[in-house]
Amino acid sequence: MIADFDAVIPEVGGKLQPLHAVYRKQCARKIESLAVGGEKRLTAIAAAVNARKVDEDEVRKIDPQLLSFFNVNTPEDYRRALEIAGLIPG
């Protein structure tokens, strides 16, 4: 049950996706503690809080193509994102 967790973090391609996670407010103190301690890896949050990891198969049930995890790092990526969104012809 989701109420038993402080965070829900998807795992896609074998990697945790902490920027796509949902966190309860009480996680803020633990996350701040990580930062103060010099931790720079966002994936460390999963071990610091009571997190439910959602595997890729479960994520694909609501996002079959994993488009919500599409990265935009280049002008070409941006163009592809616009195509996916239907804002320009593909």
C-alpha atoms as a PDB file:
ATOM      1  CA  MET A   1       0.000   0.000   0.000  1.00  0.00           C
ATOM      2  CA  ILE A   2       1.330   3.419  -0.956  1.00  0.00           C
ATOM      3  CA  ALA A   3       0.594   4.865   2.495  1.00  0.00           C
ATOM      4  CA  ASP A   4       3.417   2.688   3.846  1.00  0.00           C
ATOM      5  CA  PHE A   5       6.069   4.617   1.887  1.00  0.00           C
ATOM      6  CA  ASP A   6       7.611   8.074   2.000  1.00  0.00           C
ATOM      7  CA  ALA A   7       8.557   8.077  -1.681  1.00  0.00           C
ATOM      8  CA  VAL A   8       7.699   6.298  -4.915  1.00  0.00           C
ATOM      9  CA  ILE A   9      10.638   6.125  -7.318  1.00  0.00           C
ATOM     10  CA  PRO A  10      10.439   4.622 -10.814  1.00  0.00           C
ATOM     11  CA  GLU A  11      13.254   2.453 -12.139  1.00  0.00           C
ATOM     12  CA  VAL A  12      13.692   2.502 -15.922  1.00  0.00           C
ATOM     13  CA  GLY A  13      16.461   0.878 -17.900  1.00  0.00           C
ATOM     14  CA  GLY A  14      17.825  -0.532 -14.669  1.00  0.00           C
ATOM     15  CA  LYS A  15      18.337   2.958 -13.229  1.00  0.00           C
ATOM     16  CA  LEU A  16      16.409   4.782 -10.541  1.00  0.00           C
ATOM     17  CA  GLN A  17      14.726   7.966 -11.738  1.00  0.00           C
ATOM     18  CA  PRO A  18      14.614  10.210  -8.634  1.00  0.00           C
ATOM     19  CA  LEU A  19      13.593  13.289 -10.633  1.00  0.00           C
ATOM     20  CA  HIS A  20      10.415  11.434 -11.668  1.00  0.00           C
ATOM     21  CA  ALA A  21       9.614  10.409  -8.106  1.00  0.00           C
ATOM     22  CA  VAL A  22       6.943  11.495  -5.669  1.00  0.00           C
ATOM     23  CA  TYR A  23       8.051  12.384  -2.147  1.00  0.00           C
ATOM     24  CA  ARG A  24       6.268  13.117   1.100  1.00  0.00           C
ATOM     25  CA  LYS A  25       7.252  16.327   2.870  1.00  0.00           C
ATOM     26  CA  GLN A  26       9.017  14.434   5.644  1.00  0.00           C
ATOM     27  CA  CYS A  27      11.668  13.336   3.112  1.00  0.00           C
ATOM     28  CA  ALA A  28      12.991  16.902   2.957  1.00  0.00           C
ATOM     29  CA  ARG A  29      14.996  16.561   6.180  1.00  0.00           C
ATOM     30  CA  LYS A  30      16.673  13.355   5.073  1.00  0.00           C
ATOM     31  CA  ILE A  31      17.423  14.745   1.620  1.00  0.00           C
ATOM     32  CA  GLU A  32      18.876  17.900   3.163  1.00  0.00           C
ATOM     33  CA  SER A  33      20.999  15.738   5.444  1.00  0.00           C
ATOM     34  CA  LEU A  34      22.392  13.907   2.404  1.00  0.00           C
ATOM     35  CA  ALA A  35      23.288  17.214   0.760  1.00  0.00           C
ATOM     36  CA  VAL A  36      24.918  18.612   3.894  1.00  0.00           C
ATOM     37  CA  GLY A  37      26.919  15.406   4.170  1.00  0.00           C
ATOM     38  CA  GLY A  38      28.275  15.944   0.661  1.00  0.00           C
ATOM     39  CA  GLU A  39      26.180  13.330  -1.137  1.00  0.00           C
ATOM     40  CA  LYS A  40      25.730  14.356  -4.761  1.00  0.00           C
ATOM     41  CA  ARG A  41      23.995  11.276  -6.176  1.00  0.00           C
ATOM     42  CA  LEU A  42      20.237  11.759  -6.298  1.00  0.00           C
ATOM     43  CA  THR A  43      19.839   7.984  -6.342  1.00  0.00           C
ATOM     44  CA  ALA A  44      21.100   7.937  -2.738  1.00  0.00           C
ATOM     45  CA  ILE A  45      17.689   9.248  -1.726  1.00  0.00           C
ATOM     46  CA  ALA A  46      16.159   5.816  -2.348  1.00  0.00           C
ATOM     47  CA  ALA A  47      18.271   4.278   0.405  1.00  0.00           C
ATOM     48  CA  ALA A  48      17.801   7.217   2.787  1.00  0.00           C
ATOM     49  CA  VAL A  49      13.996   7.193   2.831  1.00  0.00           C
ATOM     50  CA  ASN A  50      11.358   4.495   2.954  1.00  0.00           C
ATOM     51  CA  ALA A  51      10.931   4.271  -0.825  1.00  0.00           C
ATOM     52  CA  ARG A  52       8.828   2.054  -3.035  1.00  0.00           C
ATOM     53  CA  LYS A  53      10.679   1.334  -6.264  1.00  0.00           C
ATOM     54  CA  VAL A  54       8.405   0.951  -9.268  1.00  0.00           C
ATOM     55  CA  ASP A  55       9.906  -1.352 -11.883  1.00  0.00           C
ATOM     56  CA  GLU A  56       9.837  -0.639 -15.607  1.00  0.00           C
ATOM     57  CA  ASP A  57       7.118  -3.211 -16.345  1.00  0.00           C
ATOM     58  CA  GLU A  58       4.790  -1.430 -13.949  1.00  0.00           C
ATOM     59  CA  VAL A  59       5.659   1.983 -15.413  1.00  0.00           C
ATOM     60  CA  ARG A  60       4.953   0.670 -18.943  1.00  0.00           C
ATOM     61  CA  LYS A  61       1.367  -0.089 -17.911  1.00  0.00           C
ATOM     62  CA  ILE A  62       0.693   3.655 -17.873  1.00  0.00           C
ATOM     63  CA  ASP A  63       3.456   4.830 -20.246  1.00  0.00           C
ATOM     64  CA  PRO A  64       4.089   1.994 -22.757  1.00  0.00           C
ATOM     65  CA  GLN A  65       6.734   3.895 -24.727  1.00  0.00           C
ATOM     66  CA  LEU A  66       8.300   5.510 -21.633  1.00  0.00           C
ATOM     67  CA  LEU A  67       7.862   8.915 -23.244  1.00  0.00           C
ATOM     68  CA  SER A  68       7.687  10.601 -19.848  1.00  0.00           C
ATOM     69  CA  PHE A  69      11.377   9.695 -19.479  1.00  0.00           C
ATOM     70  CA  PHE A  70      12.445  11.192 -22.822  1.00  0.00           C
ATOM     71  CA  ASN A  71      15.487  13.447 -22.335  1.00  0.00           C
ATOM     72  CA  VAL A  72      15.905  16.714 -24.209  1.00  0.00           C
ATOM     73  CA  ASN A  73      19.623  17.487 -24.379  1.00  0.00           C
ATOM     74  CA  THR A  74      20.148  18.615 -27.965  1.00  0.00           C
ATOM     75  CA  PRO A  75      18.278  20.630 -30.583  1.00  0.00           C
ATOM     76  CA  GLU A  76      17.474  17.315 -32.299  1.00  0.00           C
ATOM     77  CA  ASP A  77      15.984  15.959 -29.066  1.00  0.00           C
ATOM     78  CA  TYR A  78      13.905  19.127 -28.747  1.00  0.00           C
ATOM     79  CA  ARG A  79      12.604  18.716 -32.282  1.00  0.00           C
ATOM     80  CA  ARG A  80      11.729  15.074 -31.553  1.00  0.00           C
ATOM     81  CA  ALA A  81       9.909  16.152 -28.373  1.00  0.00           C
ATOM     82  CA  LEU A  82       7.858  18.638 -30.400  1.00  0.00           C
ATOM     83  CA  GLU A  83       7.028  15.875 -32.888  1.00  0.00           C
ATOM     84  CA  ILE A  84       5.982  13.512 -30.114  1.00  0.00           C
ATOM     85  CA  ALA A  85       3.762  16.240 -28.655  1.00  0.00           C
ATOM     86  CA  GLY A  86       2.193  16.781 -32.075  1.00  0.00           C
ATOM     87  CA  LEU A  87       3.346  20.399 -32.211  1.00  0.00           C
ATOM     88  CA  ILE A  88       5.235  19.948 -35.470  1.00  0.00           C
ATOM     89  CA  PRO A  89       4.859  17.329 -38.217  1.00  0.00           C
ATOM     90  CA  GLY A  90       7.019  14.221 -37.867  1.00  0.00           C
END
